[in-house]
Structures are given as structure tokens and as C-alpha cells.
Amino acid sequence: MKKTMILLLCFLTTILNAQQDSFPQDTDKKNEITLTPLVLIVSGWADISYEYLINNKSSFGVDVQFNDNKKIFDSDGDSVPNRDYRNFSITPNYRVYFSNKYARGFFVEGFGMLHRYRGYFYTGVPYSDDYVQTKKLTNFSIGISLGNKWVTKKGFVAEIFGGLGRNLFNFDDKDPSNLALRGGISFGKRF
């Protein structure tokens, strides 16, 4: 009986070890490039990310967003001021994965965001042409994001994430929140 139990236990552990997901990208491929098409469609920003897989539980990445549009338009097609209209950002990040699979599944990300935007300051007579004065401002935010990543056997990547950061420099006392948002649904390739 003991021999049968030992053989059965050895057989089960062999089967269980064979059931672990082990794909070629888990050992050979350490780089990912992803695009966030929804950001491009909704806001006109190009959003490109690169991620280097350090090991099965962590990675380091850089996300770049840019937009060359100078104005924001409302639903009527009129140009309107927007205080936090970001036209460039570079966001280094560090991710920790909590799945048993190689650098995929649920993750927590810490990020720093260097971003440039137009600050709108009110001067002069209300509702006149000199009421709004713009300045190009640069700020740095620190924040945290949560997300999930899926990877196919062929190395195609899909991820969804969202996070919140806080600007370290407050240029406008009328805006106490000073928040920087980060998020998207990205698609790409692990290579």
C-alpha cells in the first residue's frame, strides 16, 4: 500500500509540474512594446510603451505620450481653455506581478511622470480676449497604478491599467487637486 501511494504521489507531482504554463516567451523574450489605441482615438495623443522584464515577478518600463494639437475644442467646435491639457509626458514605471505566470496577470505599478502642459491663468476683464493667459508648464508627478496583463502563446500582449498621481509642484493655487491620471487599454508584442 505504501509503495502504491508513493508511486501515485510521484505520478501526480509529475503531472502537476507538467501542467504549469511554460511558453517560449517566458524564458527567451524579455522586451515588450505596446500601443494604446483608445487614447489616440479619444484624445489624439500617441501613447507608446516599452517594458523590460527583469524576472517573472517584476519589470521596468517607459511610457511616452505626445500630441501636437495646440487647442482643445468643445462639442460645438469652439476652442476652449483647459488647465491640465498635457501635450507631452514621459513616464518611467516599475511593475510587480502577483501571478504564478511569467510577468503577466494582476500587477501594481509605481510611476513617475514628467509632463508638459499649458497652464491657463485668468487676468483682465472676464469674458474678454485678454481674460485667459497661457503658459507652458512642466511638472513631475509620482503615483501608483493597478492593472492586468494577458499574454498569448505567440507573445501578443493585452493589458488594462489605471492609476493616479500627484503633481509635486503646484503652479496654480486655484487648483488644489493637482492630480495626474494614467490609464488605458494597450496592445502589443513580447519579443
N, C-alpha and C. Protein backbone atom coordinates (compact mmCIF):
# COMPACT_ATOMS: atom_id res chain seq x y z
N MET A 1 0.81 -1.19 0.00
CA MET A 1 0.00 0.00 0.00
C MET A 1 0.86 1.26 0.00
N LYS A 2 1.94 1.26 0.81
CA LYS A 2 2.81 2.42 0.87
C LYS A 2 3.49 2.66 -0.47
N LYS A 3 3.91 1.57 -1.15
CA LYS A 3 4.57 1.73 -2.45
C LYS A 3 3.60 2.31 -3.47
N THR A 4 2.36 1.87 -3.43
CA THR A 4 1.35 2.38 -4.35
C THR A 4 1.10 3.87 -4.11
N MET A 5 1.03 4.25 -2.84
CA MET A 5 0.82 5.67 -2.51
C MET A 5 2.01 6.52 -2.95
N ILE A 6 3.22 6.01 -2.76
CA ILE A 6 4.41 6.76 -3.16
C ILE A 6 4.45 6.90 -4.68
N LEU A 7 4.14 5.82 -5.40
CA LEU A 7 4.11 5.89 -6.87
C LEU A 7 3.02 6.85 -7.36
N LEU A 8 1.86 6.79 -6.73
CA LEU A 8 0.77 7.68 -7.10
C LEU A 8 1.15 9.14 -6.82
N LEU A 9 1.78 9.40 -5.69
CA LEU A 9 2.22 10.75 -5.35
C LEU A 9 3.27 11.26 -6.35
N CYS A 10 4.22 10.42 -6.72
CA CYS A 10 5.23 10.80 -7.72
C CYS A 10 4.58 11.09 -9.06
N PHE A 11 3.61 10.26 -9.45
CA PHE A 11 2.91 10.45 -10.71
C PHE A 11 2.14 11.77 -10.71
N LEU A 12 1.43 12.07 -9.62
CA LEU A 12 0.66 13.31 -9.54
C LEU A 12 1.56 14.54 -9.55
N THR A 13 2.68 14.50 -8.84
CA THR A 13 3.57 15.67 -8.86
C THR A 13 4.17 15.89 -10.24
N THR A 14 4.44 14.81 -10.96
CA THR A 14 4.94 14.95 -12.33
C THR A 14 3.89 15.59 -13.23
N ILE A 15 2.65 15.16 -13.10
CA ILE A 15 1.56 15.73 -13.90
C ILE A 15 1.35 17.21 -13.54
N LEU A 16 1.36 17.51 -12.24
CA LEU A 16 1.15 18.88 -11.82
C LEU A 16 2.27 19.80 -12.30
N ASN A 17 3.49 19.34 -12.29
CA ASN A 17 4.59 20.16 -12.80
C ASN A 17 4.48 20.36 -14.30
N ALA A 18 3.98 19.36 -15.01
CA ALA A 18 3.82 19.46 -16.46
C ALA A 18 2.68 20.40 -16.82
N GLN A 19 1.73 20.64 -15.90
CA GLN A 19 0.59 21.48 -16.18
C GLN A 19 0.90 22.97 -16.08
N GLN A 20 2.05 23.36 -15.54
CA GLN A 20 2.38 24.77 -15.45
C GLN A 20 2.55 25.35 -16.85
N ASP A 21 2.05 26.56 -17.02
CA ASP A 21 2.17 27.22 -18.32
C ASP A 21 3.61 27.66 -18.52
N SER A 22 4.26 27.08 -19.49
CA SER A 22 5.63 27.47 -19.82
C SER A 22 5.70 27.65 -21.33
N PHE A 23 5.73 28.91 -21.74
CA PHE A 23 5.76 29.24 -23.15
C PHE A 23 7.16 29.76 -23.51
N PRO A 24 7.52 29.75 -24.78
CA PRO A 24 8.84 30.26 -25.16
C PRO A 24 9.10 31.70 -24.71
N GLN A 25 8.07 32.56 -24.71
CA GLN A 25 8.31 33.94 -24.31
C GLN A 25 8.62 34.05 -22.82
N ASP A 26 8.37 33.00 -22.06
CA ASP A 26 8.67 33.05 -20.64
C ASP A 26 10.17 32.99 -20.36
N THR A 27 10.92 32.41 -21.23
CA THR A 27 12.36 32.29 -20.98
C THR A 27 13.20 33.10 -21.97
N ASP A 28 12.74 33.22 -23.18
CA ASP A 28 13.55 33.84 -24.22
C ASP A 28 13.27 35.33 -24.41
N LYS A 29 12.04 35.75 -24.23
CA LYS A 29 11.64 37.10 -24.61
C LYS A 29 11.50 37.98 -23.37
N LYS A 30 12.26 39.06 -23.34
CA LYS A 30 12.29 39.94 -22.17
C LYS A 30 11.83 41.36 -22.47
N ASN A 31 11.42 41.65 -23.69
CA ASN A 31 11.04 43.01 -24.10
C ASN A 31 9.60 43.03 -24.60
N GLU A 32 8.92 44.15 -24.36
CA GLU A 32 7.56 44.34 -24.87
C GLU A 32 7.42 45.77 -25.39
N ILE A 33 6.70 45.90 -26.47
CA ILE A 33 6.28 47.22 -26.97
C ILE A 33 4.77 47.17 -27.12
N THR A 34 4.10 48.19 -26.56
CA THR A 34 2.65 48.25 -26.64
C THR A 34 2.20 49.65 -27.08
N LEU A 35 1.03 49.69 -27.68
CA LEU A 35 0.37 50.93 -28.10
C LEU A 35 -0.99 51.00 -27.42
N THR A 36 -1.46 52.21 -27.17
CA THR A 36 -2.77 52.40 -26.55
C THR A 36 -3.66 53.11 -27.56
N PRO A 37 -4.37 52.36 -28.42
CA PRO A 37 -5.13 52.99 -29.50
C PRO A 37 -6.32 53.82 -29.02
N LEU A 38 -6.92 53.47 -27.88
CA LEU A 38 -8.07 54.22 -27.40
C LEU A 38 -7.70 55.66 -27.05
N VAL A 39 -6.51 55.86 -26.50
CA VAL A 39 -6.04 57.22 -26.19
C VAL A 39 -5.89 58.02 -27.49
N LEU A 40 -5.38 57.39 -28.54
CA LEU A 40 -5.23 58.06 -29.83
C LEU A 40 -6.60 58.45 -30.41
N ILE A 41 -7.56 57.55 -30.31
CA ILE A 41 -8.89 57.80 -30.86
C ILE A 41 -9.61 58.90 -30.07
N VAL A 42 -9.58 58.82 -28.75
CA VAL A 42 -10.34 59.75 -27.91
C VAL A 42 -9.68 61.12 -27.82
N SER A 43 -8.38 61.16 -27.59
CA SER A 43 -7.74 62.45 -27.31
C SER A 43 -6.77 62.93 -28.38
N GLY A 44 -6.41 62.06 -29.32
CA GLY A 44 -5.45 62.44 -30.34
C GLY A 44 -4.00 62.32 -29.90
N TRP A 45 -3.75 61.71 -28.74
CA TRP A 45 -2.38 61.51 -28.26
C TRP A 45 -1.85 60.19 -28.77
N ALA A 46 -0.60 60.17 -29.13
CA ALA A 46 0.09 58.90 -29.42
C ALA A 46 0.66 58.42 -28.09
N ASP A 47 0.44 57.15 -27.77
CA ASP A 47 0.88 56.58 -26.50
C ASP A 47 1.62 55.28 -26.79
N ILE A 48 2.94 55.28 -26.58
CA ILE A 48 3.80 54.14 -26.88
C ILE A 48 4.54 53.75 -25.61
N SER A 49 4.59 52.43 -25.34
CA SER A 49 5.26 51.94 -24.13
C SER A 49 6.29 50.88 -24.47
N TYR A 50 7.37 50.89 -23.71
CA TYR A 50 8.38 49.84 -23.77
C TYR A 50 8.52 49.28 -22.36
N GLU A 51 8.62 47.95 -22.26
CA GLU A 51 8.77 47.30 -20.96
C GLU A 51 9.85 46.23 -21.04
N TYR A 52 10.75 46.25 -20.07
CA TYR A 52 11.80 45.23 -19.96
C TYR A 52 11.46 44.33 -18.78
N LEU A 53 11.36 43.01 -19.03
CA LEU A 53 11.01 42.05 -17.99
C LEU A 53 12.28 41.68 -17.22
N ILE A 54 12.37 42.10 -15.97
CA ILE A 54 13.53 41.83 -15.14
C ILE A 54 13.56 40.36 -14.74
N ASN A 55 12.43 39.86 -14.27
CA ASN A 55 12.26 38.44 -13.92
C ASN A 55 10.78 38.11 -14.00
N ASN A 56 10.38 36.98 -13.44
CA ASN A 56 8.98 36.56 -13.58
C ASN A 56 8.02 37.39 -12.74
N LYS A 57 8.50 38.21 -11.81
CA LYS A 57 7.63 38.99 -10.94
C LYS A 57 7.77 40.50 -11.08
N SER A 58 8.70 41.00 -11.89
CA SER A 58 8.87 42.44 -11.96
C SER A 58 9.37 42.89 -13.33
N SER A 59 9.14 44.17 -13.61
CA SER A 59 9.58 44.75 -14.87
C SER A 59 9.78 46.25 -14.69
N PHE A 60 10.52 46.82 -15.63
CA PHE A 60 10.74 48.26 -15.68
C PHE A 60 10.29 48.73 -17.06
N GLY A 61 9.60 49.84 -17.12
CA GLY A 61 9.11 50.32 -18.40
C GLY A 61 9.15 51.83 -18.52
N VAL A 62 8.94 52.30 -19.75
CA VAL A 62 8.85 53.73 -20.04
C VAL A 62 7.68 53.92 -21.00
N ASP A 63 6.83 54.86 -20.68
CA ASP A 63 5.68 55.20 -21.49
C ASP A 63 5.85 56.64 -21.99
N VAL A 64 5.61 56.86 -23.28
CA VAL A 64 5.72 58.20 -23.86
C VAL A 64 4.40 58.55 -24.51
N GLN A 65 3.87 59.73 -24.16
CA GLN A 65 2.66 60.26 -24.79
C GLN A 65 3.01 61.62 -25.38
N PHE A 66 2.49 61.88 -26.58
CA PHE A 66 2.70 63.20 -27.16
C PHE A 66 1.54 63.56 -28.06
N ASN A 67 1.35 64.86 -28.23
CA ASN A 67 0.27 65.39 -29.04
C ASN A 67 0.71 66.75 -29.55
N ASP A 68 0.54 67.01 -30.82
CA ASP A 68 0.95 68.30 -31.37
C ASP A 68 -0.21 69.28 -31.53
N ASN A 69 -1.42 68.87 -31.13
CA ASN A 69 -2.55 69.80 -31.22
C ASN A 69 -2.37 70.94 -30.25
N LYS A 70 -2.68 72.14 -30.69
CA LYS A 70 -2.48 73.33 -29.87
C LYS A 70 -3.74 73.73 -29.11
N LYS A 71 -4.90 73.29 -29.56
CA LYS A 71 -6.14 73.73 -28.95
C LYS A 71 -7.03 72.55 -28.62
N ILE A 72 -7.94 72.79 -27.68
CA ILE A 72 -8.98 71.82 -27.34
C ILE A 72 -10.30 72.41 -27.83
N PHE A 73 -11.18 71.55 -28.32
CA PHE A 73 -12.45 72.02 -28.85
C PHE A 73 -13.59 71.39 -28.07
N ASP A 74 -14.65 72.17 -27.85
CA ASP A 74 -15.82 71.62 -27.17
C ASP A 74 -16.74 70.96 -28.20
N SER A 75 -17.91 70.52 -27.75
CA SER A 75 -18.83 69.80 -28.63
C SER A 75 -19.36 70.67 -29.78
N ASP A 76 -19.33 71.99 -29.63
CA ASP A 76 -19.78 72.89 -30.69
C ASP A 76 -18.67 73.25 -31.67
N GLY A 77 -17.45 72.78 -31.42
CA GLY A 77 -16.33 73.08 -32.30
C GLY A 77 -15.59 74.35 -31.92
N ASP A 78 -15.96 74.96 -30.79
CA ASP A 78 -15.29 76.17 -30.33
C ASP A 78 -14.05 75.81 -29.51
N SER A 79 -13.00 76.61 -29.66
CA SER A 79 -11.78 76.40 -28.89
C SER A 79 -12.02 76.85 -27.45
N VAL A 80 -11.64 75.98 -26.49
CA VAL A 80 -11.85 76.30 -25.07
C VAL A 80 -10.56 76.06 -24.30
N PRO A 81 -10.33 76.84 -23.24
CA PRO A 81 -9.14 76.61 -22.41
C PRO A 81 -9.32 75.39 -21.53
N ASN A 82 -8.24 74.71 -21.26
CA ASN A 82 -8.26 73.55 -20.38
C ASN A 82 -6.97 73.59 -19.57
N ARG A 83 -7.05 73.68 -18.28
CA ARG A 83 -5.90 73.90 -17.43
C ARG A 83 -4.88 72.77 -17.51
N ASP A 84 -5.31 71.54 -17.52
CA ASP A 84 -4.37 70.42 -17.49
C ASP A 84 -4.21 69.76 -18.85
N TYR A 85 -4.27 70.49 -19.90
CA TYR A 85 -4.10 69.89 -21.22
C TYR A 85 -2.64 69.53 -21.41
N ARG A 86 -2.34 68.25 -21.27
CA ARG A 86 -0.98 67.74 -21.38
C ARG A 86 -0.65 67.53 -22.85
N ASN A 87 0.51 68.01 -23.30
CA ASN A 87 0.89 67.77 -24.68
C ASN A 87 2.14 66.90 -24.81
N PHE A 88 2.75 66.53 -23.68
CA PHE A 88 3.87 65.59 -23.71
C PHE A 88 4.07 65.01 -22.32
N SER A 89 4.36 63.72 -22.26
CA SER A 89 4.74 63.13 -20.98
C SER A 89 5.64 61.93 -21.23
N ILE A 90 6.55 61.73 -20.30
CA ILE A 90 7.38 60.54 -20.28
C ILE A 90 7.25 59.95 -18.88
N THR A 91 6.92 58.66 -18.82
CA THR A 91 6.55 58.04 -17.55
C THR A 91 7.33 56.76 -17.32
N PRO A 92 8.43 56.81 -16.58
CA PRO A 92 9.10 55.57 -16.19
C PRO A 92 8.26 54.88 -15.10
N ASN A 93 8.25 53.55 -15.13
CA ASN A 93 7.45 52.82 -14.16
C ASN A 93 8.12 51.50 -13.78
N TYR A 94 7.77 51.01 -12.61
CA TYR A 94 8.24 49.72 -12.11
C TYR A 94 7.01 48.91 -11.72
N ARG A 95 6.89 47.70 -12.26
CA ARG A 95 5.72 46.85 -12.00
C ARG A 95 6.12 45.61 -11.22
N VAL A 96 5.20 45.21 -10.34
CA VAL A 96 5.33 43.95 -9.60
C VAL A 96 4.10 43.12 -9.94
N TYR A 97 4.34 41.88 -10.44
CA TYR A 97 3.26 40.98 -10.84
C TYR A 97 2.97 39.99 -9.72
N PHE A 98 1.68 39.67 -9.53
CA PHE A 98 1.26 38.79 -8.45
C PHE A 98 0.71 37.46 -8.94
N SER A 99 0.97 37.10 -10.17
CA SER A 99 0.51 35.85 -10.75
C SER A 99 1.63 34.81 -10.65
N ASN A 100 1.27 33.54 -10.78
CA ASN A 100 2.27 32.48 -10.84
C ASN A 100 2.87 32.36 -12.23
N LYS A 101 2.30 33.05 -13.20
CA LYS A 101 2.80 33.00 -14.57
C LYS A 101 3.85 34.08 -14.78
N TYR A 102 4.64 33.95 -15.82
CA TYR A 102 5.78 34.83 -16.04
C TYR A 102 5.35 36.22 -16.50
N ALA A 103 5.51 37.21 -15.63
CA ALA A 103 5.26 38.62 -15.92
C ALA A 103 3.92 38.83 -16.63
N ARG A 104 2.87 38.35 -16.02
CA ARG A 104 1.51 38.53 -16.52
C ARG A 104 0.53 38.40 -15.37
N GLY A 105 -0.70 38.76 -15.62
CA GLY A 105 -1.71 38.73 -14.57
C GLY A 105 -1.80 40.08 -13.87
N PHE A 106 -2.32 40.07 -12.66
CA PHE A 106 -2.52 41.29 -11.89
C PHE A 106 -1.19 41.92 -11.52
N PHE A 107 -1.10 43.26 -11.63
CA PHE A 107 0.13 43.96 -11.25
C PHE A 107 -0.18 45.28 -10.55
N VAL A 108 0.81 45.73 -9.78
CA VAL A 108 0.81 47.04 -9.16
C VAL A 108 2.02 47.78 -9.72
N GLU A 109 1.82 49.03 -10.06
CA GLU A 109 2.87 49.81 -10.72
C GLU A 109 3.09 51.12 -9.96
N GLY A 110 4.35 51.42 -9.70
CA GLY A 110 4.72 52.74 -9.21
C GLY A 110 5.29 53.52 -10.38
N PHE A 111 4.90 54.80 -10.52
CA PHE A 111 5.38 55.56 -11.66
C PHE A 111 5.76 56.98 -11.26
N GLY A 112 6.59 57.57 -12.09
CA GLY A 112 6.90 58.99 -12.04
C GLY A 112 6.61 59.55 -13.42
N MET A 113 5.93 60.68 -13.48
CA MET A 113 5.53 61.24 -14.78
C MET A 113 6.06 62.66 -14.93
N LEU A 114 6.94 62.84 -15.89
CA LEU A 114 7.38 64.18 -16.26
C LEU A 114 6.49 64.63 -17.41
N HIS A 115 5.71 65.68 -17.21
CA HIS A 115 4.78 66.09 -18.25
C HIS A 115 4.78 67.59 -18.44
N ARG A 116 4.50 67.96 -19.69
CA ARG A 116 4.42 69.36 -20.09
C ARG A 116 2.98 69.65 -20.50
N TYR A 117 2.47 70.78 -20.05
CA TYR A 117 1.09 71.14 -20.37
C TYR A 117 0.95 72.64 -20.44
N ARG A 118 -0.20 73.08 -20.90
CA ARG A 118 -0.49 74.50 -20.96
C ARG A 118 -1.27 74.88 -19.70
N GLY A 119 -0.77 75.86 -18.97
CA GLY A 119 -1.47 76.39 -17.81
C GLY A 119 -2.24 77.62 -18.24
N TYR A 120 -3.48 77.71 -17.85
CA TYR A 120 -4.33 78.86 -18.19
C TYR A 120 -4.57 79.67 -16.93
N PHE A 121 -4.17 80.93 -16.97
CA PHE A 121 -4.32 81.82 -15.84
C PHE A 121 -5.22 82.97 -16.24
N TYR A 122 -6.14 83.32 -15.35
CA TYR A 122 -7.14 84.34 -15.67
C TYR A 122 -6.64 85.72 -15.26
N THR A 123 -6.61 86.63 -16.23
CA THR A 123 -6.20 88.01 -16.00
C THR A 123 -7.13 88.92 -16.78
N GLY A 124 -7.22 90.17 -16.40
CA GLY A 124 -8.02 91.12 -17.17
C GLY A 124 -9.50 91.04 -16.88
N VAL A 125 -10.28 91.50 -17.81
CA VAL A 125 -11.73 91.58 -17.67
C VAL A 125 -12.35 90.23 -18.07
N PRO A 126 -13.28 89.71 -17.25
CA PRO A 126 -13.92 88.44 -17.61
C PRO A 126 -14.64 88.51 -18.96
N TYR A 127 -14.60 87.40 -19.70
CA TYR A 127 -15.25 87.23 -20.99
C TYR A 127 -14.70 88.14 -22.08
N SER A 128 -13.51 88.65 -21.90
CA SER A 128 -12.86 89.42 -22.96
C SER A 128 -11.68 88.60 -23.49
N ASP A 129 -11.07 89.08 -24.57
CA ASP A 129 -9.96 88.35 -25.18
C ASP A 129 -8.74 88.26 -24.28
N ASP A 130 -8.55 89.21 -23.37
CA ASP A 130 -7.38 89.17 -22.50
C ASP A 130 -7.67 88.48 -21.16
N TYR A 131 -8.79 87.78 -21.08
CA TYR A 131 -9.18 87.11 -19.85
C TYR A 131 -8.30 85.89 -19.56
N VAL A 132 -7.84 85.19 -20.59
CA VAL A 132 -7.06 83.97 -20.41
C VAL A 132 -5.65 84.19 -20.92
N GLN A 133 -4.68 83.87 -20.09
CA GLN A 133 -3.28 83.94 -20.48
C GLN A 133 -2.69 82.54 -20.32
N THR A 134 -2.00 82.06 -21.33
CA THR A 134 -1.45 80.71 -21.27
C THR A 134 0.04 80.74 -21.00
N LYS A 135 0.49 79.69 -20.33
CA LYS A 135 1.92 79.48 -20.08
C LYS A 135 2.20 78.00 -20.29
N LYS A 136 3.37 77.71 -20.82
CA LYS A 136 3.79 76.32 -20.94
C LYS A 136 4.47 75.94 -19.63
N LEU A 137 3.96 74.91 -18.98
CA LEU A 137 4.46 74.48 -17.69
C LEU A 137 4.97 73.05 -17.77
N THR A 138 5.92 72.72 -16.92
CA THR A 138 6.42 71.37 -16.80
C THR A 138 6.28 70.97 -15.34
N ASN A 139 5.81 69.74 -15.11
CA ASN A 139 5.60 69.26 -13.76
C ASN A 139 6.03 67.81 -13.67
N PHE A 140 6.21 67.33 -12.46
CA PHE A 140 6.57 65.94 -12.22
C PHE A 140 5.60 65.37 -11.21
N SER A 141 5.06 64.18 -11.52
CA SER A 141 4.09 63.51 -10.65
C SER A 141 4.63 62.16 -10.22
N ILE A 142 4.22 61.75 -9.05
CA ILE A 142 4.51 60.40 -8.55
C ILE A 142 3.18 59.76 -8.24
N GLY A 143 3.02 58.47 -8.66
CA GLY A 143 1.74 57.83 -8.43
C GLY A 143 1.82 56.32 -8.46
N ILE A 144 0.65 55.72 -8.42
CA ILE A 144 0.52 54.27 -8.41
C ILE A 144 -0.61 53.86 -9.34
N SER A 145 -0.42 52.72 -10.02
CA SER A 145 -1.44 52.18 -10.93
C SER A 145 -1.69 50.72 -10.59
N LEU A 146 -2.86 50.24 -10.98
CA LEU A 146 -3.23 48.83 -10.89
C LEU A 146 -3.62 48.37 -12.28
N GLY A 147 -3.38 47.09 -12.57
CA GLY A 147 -3.77 46.60 -13.89
C GLY A 147 -3.67 45.10 -14.00
N ASN A 148 -3.94 44.63 -15.20
CA ASN A 148 -3.85 43.20 -15.50
C ASN A 148 -3.30 43.03 -16.92
N LYS A 149 -2.46 42.02 -17.10
CA LYS A 149 -1.84 41.76 -18.41
C LYS A 149 -2.11 40.32 -18.83
N TRP A 150 -2.42 40.16 -20.12
CA TRP A 150 -2.60 38.84 -20.71
C TRP A 150 -1.59 38.68 -21.83
N VAL A 151 -1.01 37.49 -21.95
CA VAL A 151 -0.03 37.21 -23.00
C VAL A 151 -0.41 35.89 -23.66
N THR A 152 -0.47 35.88 -24.99
CA THR A 152 -0.79 34.65 -25.72
C THR A 152 0.46 33.79 -25.89
N LYS A 153 0.27 32.58 -26.37
CA LYS A 153 1.40 31.68 -26.63
C LYS A 153 2.36 32.25 -27.67
N LYS A 154 1.85 33.06 -28.58
CA LYS A 154 2.69 33.65 -29.62
C LYS A 154 3.31 34.98 -29.19
N GLY A 155 3.05 35.42 -27.97
CA GLY A 155 3.68 36.62 -27.45
C GLY A 155 2.90 37.91 -27.65
N PHE A 156 1.65 37.83 -28.10
CA PHE A 156 0.84 39.05 -28.20
C PHE A 156 0.36 39.44 -26.81
N VAL A 157 0.36 40.74 -26.54
CA VAL A 157 0.09 41.26 -25.20
C VAL A 157 -1.14 42.16 -25.24
N ALA A 158 -1.98 42.02 -24.22
CA ALA A 158 -3.09 42.95 -23.99
C ALA A 158 -3.08 43.28 -22.50
N GLU A 159 -3.27 44.55 -22.19
CA GLU A 159 -3.30 44.94 -20.78
C GLU A 159 -4.28 46.08 -20.57
N ILE A 160 -4.80 46.13 -19.36
CA ILE A 160 -5.67 47.24 -18.95
C ILE A 160 -5.12 47.74 -17.62
N PHE A 161 -5.04 49.07 -17.48
CA PHE A 161 -4.48 49.63 -16.27
C PHE A 161 -5.04 51.02 -16.02
N GLY A 162 -4.96 51.45 -14.78
CA GLY A 162 -5.39 52.79 -14.42
C GLY A 162 -4.71 53.21 -13.13
N GLY A 163 -4.39 54.49 -13.05
CA GLY A 163 -3.71 54.96 -11.86
C GLY A 163 -3.87 56.45 -11.64
N LEU A 164 -3.34 56.88 -10.52
CA LEU A 164 -3.49 58.25 -10.09
C LEU A 164 -2.17 58.72 -9.49
N GLY A 165 -1.75 59.92 -9.88
CA GLY A 165 -0.54 60.51 -9.34
C GLY A 165 -0.79 61.92 -8.84
N ARG A 166 0.17 62.44 -8.13
CA ARG A 166 0.06 63.81 -7.61
C ARG A 166 1.23 64.62 -8.10
N ASN A 167 0.93 65.81 -8.65
CA ASN A 167 1.98 66.73 -9.09
C ASN A 167 2.78 67.21 -7.88
N LEU A 168 4.09 67.27 -8.03
CA LEU A 168 4.94 67.71 -6.93
C LEU A 168 5.04 69.22 -6.84
N PHE A 169 4.77 69.92 -7.95
CA PHE A 169 4.88 71.37 -7.97
C PHE A 169 3.50 71.96 -8.26
N ASN A 170 3.05 72.88 -7.43
CA ASN A 170 1.74 73.48 -7.60
C ASN A 170 1.91 74.88 -8.17
N PHE A 171 1.61 75.03 -9.46
CA PHE A 171 1.76 76.32 -10.13
C PHE A 171 0.50 77.18 -10.04
N ASP A 172 -0.61 76.55 -9.71
CA ASP A 172 -1.87 77.27 -9.70
C ASP A 172 -2.58 77.01 -8.38
N ASP A 173 -2.64 78.02 -7.51
CA ASP A 173 -3.26 77.87 -6.20
C ASP A 173 -4.76 77.62 -6.29
N LYS A 174 -5.36 77.92 -7.44
CA LYS A 174 -6.80 77.72 -7.60
C LYS A 174 -7.14 76.27 -7.90
N ASP A 175 -6.14 75.43 -8.13
CA ASP A 175 -6.37 74.02 -8.42
C ASP A 175 -5.75 73.18 -7.30
N PRO A 176 -6.50 72.92 -6.22
CA PRO A 176 -5.93 72.20 -5.09
C PRO A 176 -5.69 70.72 -5.36
N SER A 177 -6.37 70.14 -6.33
CA SER A 177 -6.24 68.70 -6.57
C SER A 177 -4.88 68.36 -7.15
N ASN A 178 -4.47 69.06 -8.21
CA ASN A 178 -3.17 68.85 -8.83
C ASN A 178 -2.88 67.39 -9.13
N LEU A 179 -3.84 66.69 -9.70
CA LEU A 179 -3.72 65.26 -9.96
C LEU A 179 -3.26 64.98 -11.39
N ALA A 180 -2.56 63.87 -11.56
CA ALA A 180 -2.17 63.39 -12.88
C ALA A 180 -2.74 61.99 -13.04
N LEU A 181 -3.51 61.78 -14.09
CA LEU A 181 -4.14 60.49 -14.33
C LEU A 181 -3.33 59.67 -15.32
N ARG A 182 -3.38 58.34 -15.16
CA ARG A 182 -2.70 57.44 -16.06
C ARG A 182 -3.60 56.23 -16.27
N GLY A 183 -3.76 55.79 -17.51
CA GLY A 183 -4.59 54.62 -17.75
C GLY A 183 -4.73 54.30 -19.21
N GLY A 184 -5.27 53.13 -19.47
CA GLY A 184 -5.51 52.75 -20.86
C GLY A 184 -5.70 51.26 -21.05
N ILE A 185 -5.98 50.92 -22.28
CA ILE A 185 -6.06 49.53 -22.73
C ILE A 185 -5.04 49.41 -23.84
N SER A 186 -3.98 48.64 -23.61
CA SER A 186 -2.85 48.56 -24.55
C SER A 186 -2.77 47.19 -25.21
N PHE A 187 -2.22 47.22 -26.43
CA PHE A 187 -1.98 46.00 -27.20
C PHE A 187 -0.56 46.05 -27.74
N GLY A 188 0.09 44.90 -27.79
CA GLY A 188 1.46 44.91 -28.29
C GLY A 188 2.03 43.52 -28.47
N LYS A 189 3.36 43.44 -28.40
CA LYS A 189 4.07 42.20 -28.68
C LYS A 189 5.24 42.05 -27.73
N ARG A 190 5.41 40.84 -27.23
CA ARG A 190 6.58 40.49 -26.42
C ARG A 190 7.61 39.87 -27.35
N PHE A 191 8.84 40.36 -27.28
CA PHE A 191 9.89 39.82 -28.16
C PHE A 191 11.19 39.66 -27.42
